[in-house]
């Protein structure tokens, strides 16, 4: 299946990394192994820098720990990190990413309810700037 033609939208504002809601109940969604596209109030992609805990409506926020692929690369595997109390990459999962020319799609892995994938909308200044990961 071509992820650029068939995907599920992730567009809710509570999935933006700028959302500091302390509730992670909204992440108890039934994820399927299909392609997802971030857009609208959630942002237009997974963030590629550390997202702190308690962002995007979840306890442990997920972010892409590498670059997004070029169009020519096709479908690639990438690592998503989930922030913890003392680390920006306390847990990680391998996902697939595809560049669809003007947007990205992601084949996300099912994760426990207290981990969640974030969109890049509402990025603010990180407080862990001096930590190395």
Protein backbone atom coordinates (compact mmCIF):
# COMPACT_ATOMS: atom_id res chain seq x y z
CA UNK A 1 0.00 0.00 0.00
CA UNK A 2 1.32 3.44 -0.92
CA UNK A 3 1.34 5.60 2.22
CA UNK A 4 1.17 8.77 0.13
CA UNK A 5 -2.23 7.80 -1.23
CA UNK A 6 -3.83 6.15 1.79
CA UNK A 7 -3.17 7.35 5.33
CA UNK A 8 -4.93 8.38 8.53
CA UNK A 9 -4.79 12.02 9.62
CA UNK A 10 -3.41 13.13 12.96
CA UNK A 11 -4.60 16.74 13.20
CA UNK A 12 -5.81 17.35 16.75
CA UNK A 13 -4.28 20.26 18.69
CA UNK A 14 -3.76 18.05 21.76
CA UNK A 15 -1.21 16.04 19.77
CA UNK A 16 0.99 19.12 19.18
CA UNK A 17 4.26 19.25 21.11
CA UNK A 18 3.23 22.66 22.43
CA UNK A 19 0.29 21.10 24.29
CA UNK A 20 1.22 20.83 27.97
CA UNK A 21 -1.91 18.98 29.11
CA UNK A 22 -1.24 16.71 32.08
CA UNK A 23 -3.73 14.13 30.84
CA UNK A 24 -2.50 11.26 28.74
CA UNK A 25 -5.89 9.59 28.44
CA UNK A 26 -6.36 10.82 24.87
CA UNK A 27 -3.50 8.57 23.74
CA UNK A 28 -5.49 5.45 24.49
CA UNK A 29 -6.41 5.35 20.82
CA UNK A 30 -6.45 2.17 18.84
CA UNK A 31 -3.42 2.36 16.60
CA UNK A 32 -3.30 0.21 13.53
CA UNK A 33 -0.27 -0.61 11.43
CA UNK A 34 -1.17 1.85 8.71
CA UNK A 35 0.32 5.11 7.47
CA UNK A 36 -0.31 8.33 9.42
CA UNK A 37 0.08 11.95 8.29
CA UNK A 38 0.45 14.87 10.71
CA UNK A 39 -1.31 18.06 9.65
CA UNK A 40 -3.48 20.89 10.89
CA UNK A 41 -3.25 21.85 14.57
CA UNK A 42 -0.96 18.89 15.33
CA UNK A 43 1.73 20.22 12.98
CA UNK A 44 2.99 18.84 9.70
CA UNK A 45 5.47 16.17 10.86
CA UNK A 46 7.05 14.43 13.82
CA UNK A 47 9.46 16.75 15.64
CA UNK A 48 13.14 16.01 15.04
CA UNK A 49 14.36 17.33 18.39
CA UNK A 50 13.71 16.22 21.95
CA UNK A 51 10.17 16.79 23.21
CA UNK A 52 9.90 16.89 27.00
CA UNK A 53 7.57 14.79 29.12
CA UNK A 54 3.92 15.80 29.49
CA UNK A 55 3.62 17.23 25.98
CA UNK A 56 1.14 16.47 23.20
CA UNK A 57 -1.39 14.96 25.59
CA UNK A 58 0.85 12.14 26.78
CA UNK A 59 3.31 11.42 29.58
CA UNK A 60 6.25 10.32 27.44
CA UNK A 61 6.42 12.32 24.20
CA UNK A 62 7.67 10.74 20.98
CA UNK A 63 9.96 12.49 18.49
CA UNK A 64 12.04 11.46 15.45
CA UNK A 65 15.66 10.91 16.48
CA UNK A 66 17.15 11.51 13.01
CA UNK A 67 16.45 13.38 9.81
CA UNK A 68 13.41 13.03 7.61
CA UNK A 69 14.11 11.24 4.30
CA UNK A 70 14.43 12.89 0.92
CA UNK A 71 11.88 12.08 -1.76
CA UNK A 72 14.45 9.96 -3.62
CA UNK A 73 15.09 7.75 -0.58
CA UNK A 74 11.58 6.28 -0.68
CA UNK A 75 10.47 4.39 2.44
CA UNK A 76 13.10 4.41 5.19
CA UNK A 77 13.31 3.11 8.74
CA UNK A 78 13.87 5.63 11.51
CA UNK A 79 13.99 5.63 15.30
CA UNK A 80 11.42 7.46 17.43
CA UNK A 81 12.52 8.31 20.96
CA UNK A 82 10.20 8.82 23.92
CA UNK A 83 11.27 11.21 26.64
CA UNK A 84 11.71 10.17 30.23
CA UNK A 85 12.49 11.95 33.46
CA UNK A 86 16.26 12.07 32.92
CA UNK A 87 16.61 11.30 29.24
CA UNK A 88 15.18 12.48 25.96
CA UNK A 89 15.42 8.90 24.69
CA UNK A 90 14.28 6.70 27.56
CA UNK A 91 12.45 4.31 25.17
CA UNK A 92 12.55 3.97 21.41
CA UNK A 93 10.72 2.24 18.57
CA UNK A 94 11.60 1.75 14.92
CA UNK A 95 9.09 3.15 12.41
CA UNK A 96 8.88 3.64 8.65
CA UNK A 97 8.84 7.12 7.10
CA UNK A 98 8.14 8.23 3.54
CA UNK A 99 8.59 11.62 1.91
CA UNK A 100 5.54 12.30 -0.29
CA UNK A 101 7.10 15.43 -1.86
CA UNK A 102 5.10 18.04 0.07
CA UNK A 103 4.47 16.06 3.27
CA UNK A 104 5.61 12.99 5.21
CA UNK A 105 3.78 9.84 6.22
CA UNK A 106 4.73 7.50 9.05
CA UNK A 107 4.01 3.85 9.70
CA UNK A 108 3.94 4.09 13.48
CA UNK A 109 4.36 1.24 15.93
CA UNK A 110 1.75 0.54 18.57
CA UNK A 111 3.06 1.85 21.91
CA UNK A 112 1.91 1.57 25.55
CA UNK A 113 -0.79 4.05 26.60
CA UNK A 114 1.61 6.39 28.45
CA UNK A 115 3.81 6.90 25.35
CA UNK A 116 2.55 8.99 22.45
CA UNK A 117 3.70 10.37 19.13
CA UNK A 118 3.80 14.17 18.88
CA UNK A 119 3.27 16.55 16.02
CA UNK A 120 5.71 19.46 15.65
CA UNK A 121 3.24 22.33 16.21
CA UNK A 122 3.87 24.72 19.08
CA UNK A 123 7.56 23.99 19.64
CA UNK A 124 9.03 25.97 22.49
CA UNK A 125 12.44 26.33 24.09
CA UNK A 126 13.71 23.11 25.61
CA UNK A 127 14.84 23.09 29.22
CA UNK A 128 17.33 20.25 28.76
CA UNK A 129 19.59 22.13 26.32
CA UNK A 130 22.82 21.07 28.01
CA UNK A 131 22.08 17.35 28.15
CA UNK A 132 23.70 15.17 25.52
CA UNK A 133 21.79 12.27 24.00
